Amino acid sequence: MVDYLIIGAGYAGSVLAERLASEAGKKVLIVDKRPHIGGNAYDHYNDAGILVHKYGPHIFHTNSREVFDYLSRFTKWRAYEHRVLASVDGQLLPIPINLDTVNRLYGLNLTSFQLEDFFASVAEPREPIRTSEDVIISRVGRELYEKFFRNYTRKQWDLDPSELDATVTSRVPIRTNRDDRYFTDTYQAMPLHGYTRMFEKMLDHPNIKILLNTDYREIERIVPYKEMIYTGPVDEFFECRFGKLPYRSLEFHHETLDKPVYQPAPVVNYPNEHAYTRITEFKYLTGQEHTKTSIVKEYSRAEGDPYYPVPRPENMELYKKYQELAKQTTGVHFVGRLATYKYYNQDQVVAQALTLYAKLAGATRTKLK
């Protein structure tokens, strides 16, 4: 008998397994249908000996001291601030849009104060802000929206920004200074020896057993357990009773090139050209020195492993039906991006898992009393 059967060995499942095993003394079995731990953050050394992220770039950043300190138990860090360029009108320009982006795009020499006036002059007020198109056009006007956002969003989501919730583009800031960092969080770093090594240390406990290449439905009836923690797609748990929740998937084309450097930035976005959305060069992320380099091109797809919940009102209404079912399902705890149908950064999933652990630990202490 195990205390907890945990479905999924990504961040949510691994953090909860570690806490329940090491802090609460619980026996845990983690089951994952993939052949590895770490979920989408999994990284490995390819045939050329270059450390790559199998499922696209994963950049760690957080403002939470609690989350950073927790993960620091399992890894040392390499300081890293992420930077992205966008290929627009034959130039590679900083994204998020900043002072240098506008000056180089239009051949201007604006100051930060003048850029504020420039944005005000081209912005088209939208009230209320409902869609991703509203967000951008109300801040920087239609032309910059068309050059940097509209086609990229169409490729990523197969929907026009006017059909997507405002949360999609509101995640990307607009700056009037020269700060070209993609994130501005207090803690920005990469696991020194990679994500997989960090997960291995997290799960290295005698109370934790791991079963890979396995569909949990094959063993849930033969392995006795007290409670379940589920991190997979919530609609699949309930056998799509109300219909399938829409997700976008990704297809990754990895290449190893016989040159030390391929592009001038860790990530280059292609909003208006090519079928792929972006190219990532991993050596920037990892700091690895190698005579060759490895890149990945990302293609957005309608079918495949679920990555991004599609943020539209009708989808949220459908999710609420599953959410209500989840609340009524005793002995099962739903946690993580897929189980709660919401896009989370890595640190947000860790925080959600730590919050659930505190709740579970509190319930255990109450029972003991």
Protein backbone atom coordinates (compact mmCIF):
# COMPACT_ATOMS: atom_id res chain seq x y z
CA MET A 1 0.00 0.00 0.00
CA VAL A 2 1.31 3.44 -0.94
CA ASP A 3 0.03 6.60 0.66
CA TYR A 4 0.00 8.61 -2.57
CA LEU A 5 -0.21 7.55 -6.20
CA ILE A 6 1.06 10.53 -8.19
CA ILE A 7 0.28 10.75 -11.89
CA GLY A 8 2.99 12.67 -13.74
CA ALA A 9 6.68 13.20 -12.95
CA GLY A 10 6.88 16.85 -13.95
CA TYR A 11 7.18 19.79 -11.58
CA ALA A 12 3.85 19.37 -9.80
CA GLY A 13 4.15 15.65 -9.24
CA SER A 14 7.84 15.70 -8.35
CA VAL A 15 7.60 18.55 -5.85
CA LEU A 16 4.67 16.90 -4.09
CA ALA A 17 6.42 13.53 -4.08
CA GLU A 18 9.53 15.05 -2.52
CA ARG A 19 7.61 16.94 0.16
CA LEU A 20 5.32 14.04 1.06
CA ALA A 21 8.22 11.58 1.22
CA SER A 22 10.86 13.63 2.97
CA GLU A 23 8.76 15.87 5.21
CA ALA A 24 5.64 13.82 5.90
CA GLY A 25 7.22 10.36 5.72
CA LYS A 26 4.67 9.13 3.19
CA LYS A 27 5.22 6.32 0.70
CA VAL A 28 4.80 7.57 -2.84
CA LEU A 29 4.56 5.94 -6.26
CA ILE A 30 4.98 8.22 -9.29
CA VAL A 31 3.66 6.97 -12.62
CA ASP A 32 4.46 8.66 -15.94
CA LYS A 33 3.63 7.52 -19.45
CA ARG A 34 6.84 9.07 -20.79
CA PRO A 35 10.22 7.28 -20.52
CA HIS A 36 11.71 9.99 -18.30
CA ILE A 37 11.11 12.24 -15.30
CA GLY A 38 10.95 16.04 -15.43
CA GLY A 39 7.91 16.46 -17.66
CA ASN A 40 8.34 19.13 -20.31
CA ALA A 41 11.41 20.49 -18.49
CA TYR A 42 13.34 17.30 -19.27
CA ASP A 43 16.80 17.88 -20.76
CA HIS A 44 19.47 15.46 -21.97
CA TYR A 45 22.77 15.28 -23.81
CA ASN A 46 22.27 14.59 -27.50
CA ASP A 47 24.47 12.41 -29.70
CA ALA A 48 26.98 15.25 -30.08
CA GLY A 49 27.23 15.69 -26.32
CA ILE A 50 25.29 18.97 -26.24
CA LEU A 51 22.74 19.52 -23.44
CA VAL A 52 19.37 20.23 -25.06
CA HIS A 53 15.79 20.73 -23.87
CA LYS A 54 13.73 18.03 -25.56
CA TYR A 55 10.48 20.00 -25.37
CA GLY A 56 11.72 23.48 -26.20
CA PRO A 57 13.42 26.12 -24.05
CA HIS A 58 12.63 26.22 -20.35
CA ILE A 59 13.87 29.40 -18.67
CA PHE A 60 13.63 29.61 -14.91
CA HIS A 61 12.61 32.94 -13.39
CA THR A 62 10.67 33.88 -10.28
CA ASN A 63 9.99 36.61 -7.76
CA SER A 64 9.30 34.03 -5.07
CA ARG A 65 12.11 33.57 -2.57
CA GLU A 66 10.30 30.51 -1.22
CA VAL A 67 10.25 28.78 -4.62
CA PHE A 68 13.86 29.69 -5.40
CA ASP A 69 15.11 28.52 -2.01
CA TYR A 70 13.14 25.28 -2.30
CA LEU A 71 14.61 24.36 -5.70
CA SER A 72 18.06 25.41 -4.50
CA ARG A 73 18.04 22.33 -2.28
CA PHE A 74 18.40 20.22 -5.42
CA THR A 75 20.60 22.28 -7.71
CA LYS A 76 23.25 24.92 -7.93
CA TRP A 77 22.48 27.71 -10.34
CA ARG A 78 24.04 29.42 -13.33
CA ALA A 79 23.10 33.10 -13.53
CA TYR A 80 21.20 33.67 -16.75
CA GLU A 81 19.06 36.51 -18.11
CA HIS A 82 17.04 35.54 -21.15
CA ARG A 83 17.05 37.65 -24.30
CA VAL A 84 14.96 37.30 -27.44
CA LEU A 85 15.15 38.90 -30.87
CA ALA A 86 12.38 39.09 -33.46
CA SER A 87 12.95 38.96 -37.20
CA VAL A 88 10.99 41.95 -38.55
CA ASP A 89 11.50 43.85 -41.82
CA GLY A 90 14.90 42.28 -42.40
CA GLN A 91 16.22 43.18 -38.94
CA LEU A 92 16.67 41.27 -35.70
CA LEU A 93 15.06 43.50 -33.09
CA PRO A 94 14.66 43.19 -29.31
CA ILE A 95 11.43 41.71 -28.03
CA PRO A 96 9.67 42.72 -25.78
CA ILE A 97 9.44 46.00 -27.68
CA ASN A 98 11.70 48.62 -26.11
CA LEU A 99 13.41 51.90 -27.00
CA ASP A 100 16.00 50.22 -29.23
CA THR A 101 13.31 48.22 -31.03
CA VAL A 102 11.46 51.35 -32.15
CA ASN A 103 14.55 53.43 -32.92
CA ARG A 104 16.13 50.73 -35.08
CA LEU A 105 12.88 49.78 -36.80
CA TYR A 106 12.08 53.34 -37.86
CA GLY A 107 15.58 54.86 -37.99
CA LEU A 108 14.79 57.25 -35.13
CA ASN A 109 16.73 58.55 -32.14
CA LEU A 110 13.99 58.89 -29.56
CA THR A 111 14.58 59.20 -25.83
CA SER A 112 12.53 57.22 -23.32
CA PHE A 113 10.28 60.24 -22.72
CA GLN A 114 9.79 60.72 -26.44
CA LEU A 115 8.95 57.04 -26.85
CA GLU A 116 6.12 57.40 -24.35
CA ASP A 117 4.74 60.21 -26.52
CA PHE A 118 5.26 58.07 -29.63
CA PHE A 119 3.27 55.18 -28.16
CA ALA A 120 0.53 57.58 -27.06
CA SER A 121 0.31 59.00 -30.59
CA VAL A 122 -0.13 55.61 -32.29
CA ALA A 123 -2.16 53.77 -29.63
CA GLU A 124 -5.81 53.09 -30.35
CA PRO A 125 -7.83 53.14 -27.11
CA ARG A 126 -9.95 50.03 -26.58
CA GLU A 127 -12.50 49.82 -23.81
CA PRO A 128 -13.02 47.33 -22.37
CA ILE A 129 -9.89 45.25 -22.99
CA ARG A 130 -11.23 41.82 -23.87
CA THR A 131 -8.91 40.27 -26.45
CA SER A 132 -5.20 39.95 -27.14
CA GLU A 133 -5.62 42.37 -30.03
CA ASP A 134 -7.12 44.95 -27.67
CA VAL A 135 -4.11 44.66 -25.34
CA ILE A 136 -1.48 45.45 -27.97
CA ILE A 137 -3.30 47.97 -30.13
CA SER A 138 -4.32 49.99 -27.07
CA ARG A 139 -0.67 50.21 -26.01
CA VAL A 140 1.45 50.51 -29.20
CA GLY A 141 -0.97 50.89 -32.10
CA ARG A 142 -1.79 48.80 -35.14
CA GLU A 143 1.48 48.89 -37.08
CA LEU A 144 3.66 47.43 -34.32
CA TYR A 145 0.87 44.97 -33.57
CA GLU A 146 0.90 43.79 -37.18
CA LYS A 147 4.70 43.56 -37.38
CA PHE A 148 5.41 41.78 -34.09
CA PHE A 149 2.29 40.13 -32.72
CA ARG A 150 -0.52 39.31 -35.11
CA ASN A 151 1.09 36.70 -37.35
CA TYR A 152 3.11 35.15 -34.53
CA THR A 153 -0.10 34.66 -32.56
CA ARG A 154 -1.83 33.20 -35.59
CA LYS A 155 0.96 30.67 -36.05
CA GLN A 156 1.05 29.81 -32.36
CA TRP A 157 -2.67 29.47 -31.76
CA ASP A 158 -4.23 29.11 -35.24
CA LEU A 159 -6.47 31.96 -34.16
CA ASP A 160 -6.38 35.69 -34.70
CA PRO A 161 -5.49 37.70 -31.57
CA SER A 162 -8.98 39.18 -31.75
CA GLU A 163 -10.28 35.67 -30.96
CA LEU A 164 -8.04 35.08 -27.94
CA ASP A 165 -8.35 36.15 -24.33
CA ALA A 166 -6.35 39.23 -23.30
CA THR A 167 -4.08 37.11 -21.08
CA VAL A 168 -2.12 35.75 -24.06
CA THR A 169 -0.42 39.01 -25.07
CA SER A 170 -0.69 40.81 -21.74
CA ARG A 171 2.14 38.54 -20.56
CA VAL A 172 4.55 40.42 -22.86
CA PRO A 173 5.56 43.85 -21.51
CA ILE A 174 6.15 47.02 -23.50
CA ARG A 175 9.15 49.07 -22.35
CA THR A 176 10.28 52.65 -22.89
CA ASN A 177 13.88 52.03 -21.77
CA ARG A 178 16.67 49.87 -23.24
CA ASP A 179 16.11 46.87 -20.99
CA ASP A 180 16.25 43.95 -23.43
CA ARG A 181 15.78 41.17 -20.87
CA TYR A 182 12.77 39.03 -21.58
CA PHE A 183 12.03 38.72 -17.87
CA THR A 184 12.64 41.13 -15.00
CA ASP A 185 12.10 38.74 -12.07
CA THR A 186 14.30 38.95 -8.97
CA TYR A 187 15.66 35.43 -9.47
CA GLN A 188 16.76 34.46 -12.96
CA ALA A 189 18.97 31.40 -13.36
CA MET A 190 19.35 27.99 -14.93
CA PRO A 191 20.08 24.73 -13.08
CA LEU A 192 23.85 24.41 -13.28
CA HIS A 193 23.81 20.78 -14.40
CA GLY A 194 20.41 20.82 -16.10
CA TYR A 195 16.81 20.24 -15.14
CA THR A 196 16.90 16.46 -15.25
CA ARG A 197 19.74 16.35 -12.71
CA MET A 198 17.69 18.63 -10.46
CA PHE A 199 14.65 16.31 -10.71
CA GLU A 200 16.82 13.26 -10.04
CA LYS A 201 18.02 14.78 -6.77
CA MET A 202 14.49 15.86 -5.88
CA LEU A 203 13.17 12.32 -6.28
CA ASP A 204 16.14 10.53 -4.70
CA HIS A 205 14.37 9.28 -1.57
CA PRO A 206 13.70 5.73 -0.32
CA ASN A 207 9.99 6.50 0.10
CA ILE A 208 9.64 7.40 -3.60
CA LYS A 209 9.24 4.77 -6.31
CA ILE A 210 8.99 5.73 -9.99
CA LEU A 211 7.26 3.82 -12.77
CA LEU A 212 7.88 5.15 -16.30
CA ASN A 213 6.50 4.17 -19.72
CA THR A 214 3.24 3.39 -17.97
CA ASP A 215 -0.36 4.54 -18.28
CA TYR A 216 -1.61 4.98 -14.74
CA ARG A 217 -4.91 3.31 -15.61
CA GLU A 218 -3.00 0.07 -16.11
CA ILE A 219 -1.87 -0.04 -12.49
CA GLU A 220 -4.32 2.04 -10.43
CA ARG A 221 -6.54 -1.00 -9.87
CA ILE A 222 -3.70 -3.33 -8.92
CA VAL A 223 -1.59 -1.03 -6.74
CA PRO A 224 -3.43 -0.13 -3.53
CA TYR A 225 -3.16 3.53 -2.55
CA LYS A 226 -4.83 5.92 -0.14
CA GLU A 227 -4.98 9.10 -2.23
CA MET A 228 -4.14 10.19 -5.76
CA ILE A 229 -2.46 13.34 -7.04
CA TYR A 230 -3.27 13.88 -10.70
CA THR A 231 -1.30 16.24 -12.96
CA GLY A 232 -2.54 15.13 -16.39
CA PRO A 233 -5.29 16.59 -18.57
CA VAL A 234 -8.42 16.94 -16.45
CA ASP A 235 -10.78 16.08 -19.34
CA GLU A 236 -8.95 12.79 -19.94
CA PHE A 237 -9.30 11.85 -16.27
CA PHE A 238 -13.08 12.04 -16.70
CA GLU A 239 -12.92 10.32 -20.11
CA CYS A 240 -13.93 13.56 -21.88
CA ARG A 241 -17.44 13.32 -20.43
CA PHE A 242 -18.36 16.83 -21.56
CA GLY A 243 -16.13 16.88 -24.64
CA LYS A 244 -12.42 17.40 -25.21
CA LEU A 245 -10.75 20.54 -23.86
CA PRO A 246 -8.85 22.35 -26.64
CA TYR A 247 -5.06 22.50 -26.35
CA ARG A 248 -2.30 23.61 -28.67
CA SER A 249 0.57 21.23 -29.17
CA LEU A 250 4.14 21.73 -30.36
CA GLU A 251 6.41 19.89 -32.76
CA PHE A 252 10.16 20.22 -32.26
CA HIS A 253 12.78 19.86 -34.98
CA HIS A 254 16.20 19.49 -33.37
CA GLU A 255 19.37 20.07 -35.39
CA THR A 256 23.06 19.84 -34.50
CA LEU A 257 25.26 22.10 -36.60
CA ASP A 258 28.98 21.90 -37.27
CA LYS A 259 29.65 25.45 -36.12
CA PRO A 260 30.18 27.01 -32.67
CA VAL A 261 27.35 29.59 -32.95
CA TYR A 262 24.22 29.74 -35.10
CA GLN A 263 22.40 32.94 -34.15
CA PRO A 264 23.12 36.14 -32.15
CA ALA A 265 20.63 35.46 -29.34
CA PRO A 266 19.30 32.51 -27.34
CA VAL A 267 15.93 32.73 -29.11
CA VAL A 268 14.92 34.37 -32.37
CA ASN A 269 11.18 34.74 -33.08
CA TYR A 270 9.86 34.67 -36.63
CA PRO A 271 6.45 36.35 -36.58
CA ASN A 272 6.13 36.95 -40.32
CA GLU A 273 8.26 34.33 -42.08
CA HIS A 274 8.70 30.56 -42.04
CA ALA A 275 6.26 27.97 -40.74
CA TYR A 276 8.03 27.74 -37.38
CA THR A 277 7.55 30.31 -34.65
CA ARG A 278 11.06 30.50 -33.20
CA ILE A 279 14.55 29.01 -33.07
CA THR A 280 16.35 28.34 -29.79
CA GLU A 281 20.11 27.80 -29.51
CA PHE A 282 20.75 25.83 -26.33
CA LYS A 283 24.36 26.71 -25.58
CA TYR A 284 23.24 30.23 -24.63
CA LEU A 285 20.92 28.74 -22.02
CA THR A 286 23.29 26.17 -20.56
CA GLY A 287 26.63 27.98 -20.89
CA GLN A 288 28.14 24.82 -22.34
CA GLU A 289 31.28 25.16 -24.44
CA HIS A 290 31.35 22.94 -27.52
CA THR A 291 32.76 23.12 -31.05
CA LYS A 292 29.27 22.36 -32.40
CA THR A 293 25.91 23.89 -31.58
CA SER A 294 22.35 22.60 -31.31
CA ILE A 295 19.14 24.39 -32.20
CA VAL A 296 15.44 23.59 -32.18
CA LYS A 297 12.72 24.95 -34.44
CA GLU A 298 9.20 25.03 -33.00
CA TYR A 299 6.05 24.40 -34.97
CA SER A 300 2.65 24.91 -33.39
CA ARG A 301 0.20 22.07 -33.98
CA ALA A 302 -3.46 21.30 -33.28
CA GLU A 303 -2.76 17.64 -32.48
CA GLY A 304 -0.19 15.99 -30.25
CA ASP A 305 0.77 16.22 -26.59
CA PRO A 306 -1.19 19.00 -24.87
CA TYR A 307 0.95 22.05 -24.07
CA TYR A 308 -1.12 25.22 -23.98
CA PRO A 309 -4.76 25.52 -22.89
CA VAL A 310 -6.54 27.69 -25.45
CA PRO A 311 -7.79 30.76 -23.54
CA ARG A 312 -11.25 31.47 -24.94
CA PRO A 313 -14.47 32.04 -22.95
CA GLU A 314 -16.22 28.94 -24.28
CA ASN A 315 -13.24 26.77 -23.30
CA MET A 316 -13.27 28.13 -19.77
CA GLU A 317 -16.98 27.35 -19.52
CA LEU A 318 -16.23 23.78 -20.56
CA TYR A 319 -13.38 23.55 -18.05
CA LYS A 320 -15.67 24.73 -15.24
CA LYS A 321 -17.76 21.59 -15.76
CA TYR A 322 -14.67 19.44 -15.27
CA GLN A 323 -13.54 21.62 -12.37
CA GLU A 324 -16.83 20.92 -10.60
CA LEU A 325 -16.40 17.20 -11.19
CA ALA A 326 -12.87 17.41 -9.79
CA LYS A 327 -14.13 19.08 -6.62
CA GLN A 328 -16.63 16.27 -6.14
CA THR A 329 -14.02 13.53 -6.64
CA THR A 330 -12.87 12.53 -3.19
CA GLY A 331 -9.35 11.23 -2.66
CA VAL A 332 -7.98 12.83 -5.83
CA HIS A 333 -6.09 16.14 -5.91
CA PHE A 334 -5.76 17.95 -9.25
CA VAL A 335 -2.68 20.13 -9.66
CA GLY A 336 -0.60 21.63 -12.47
CA ARG A 337 -1.15 23.19 -15.86
CA LEU A 338 -3.06 20.34 -17.50
CA ALA A 339 -5.11 19.36 -14.47
CA THR A 340 -6.31 22.93 -13.86
CA TYR A 341 -6.42 24.02 -17.53
CA LYS A 342 -4.30 27.11 -17.05
CA TYR A 343 -0.94 28.26 -18.34
CA TYR A 344 1.64 28.42 -15.55
CA ASN A 345 5.32 29.28 -15.52
CA GLN A 346 7.63 26.80 -13.82
CA ASP A 347 7.74 28.74 -10.56
CA GLN A 348 3.96 29.02 -10.46
CA VAL A 349 3.58 25.24 -10.72
CA VAL A 350 6.12 24.77 -7.91
CA ALA A 351 4.24 27.30 -5.77
CA GLN A 352 0.92 25.58 -6.48
CA ALA A 353 2.41 22.22 -5.51
CA LEU A 354 3.90 23.60 -2.29
CA THR A 355 0.53 25.13 -1.42
CA LEU A 356 -1.21 21.79 -1.94
CA TYR A 357 1.41 20.05 0.18
CA ALA A 358 0.81 22.51 3.03
CA LYS A 359 -2.90 21.74 2.79
CA LEU A 360 -2.30 17.98 2.79
CA ALA A 361 0.16 18.21 5.68
CA GLY A 362 -2.30 20.33 7.65
CA ALA A 363 -5.05 17.80 7.07
CA THR A 364 -2.77 15.00 8.28
CA ARG A 365 -1.90 16.88 11.47
CA THR A 366 -5.61 17.50 12.10
CA LYS A 367 -6.35 13.76 11.77
CA LEU A 368 -3.56 12.94 14.22
CA LYS A 369 -5.08 15.22 16.82
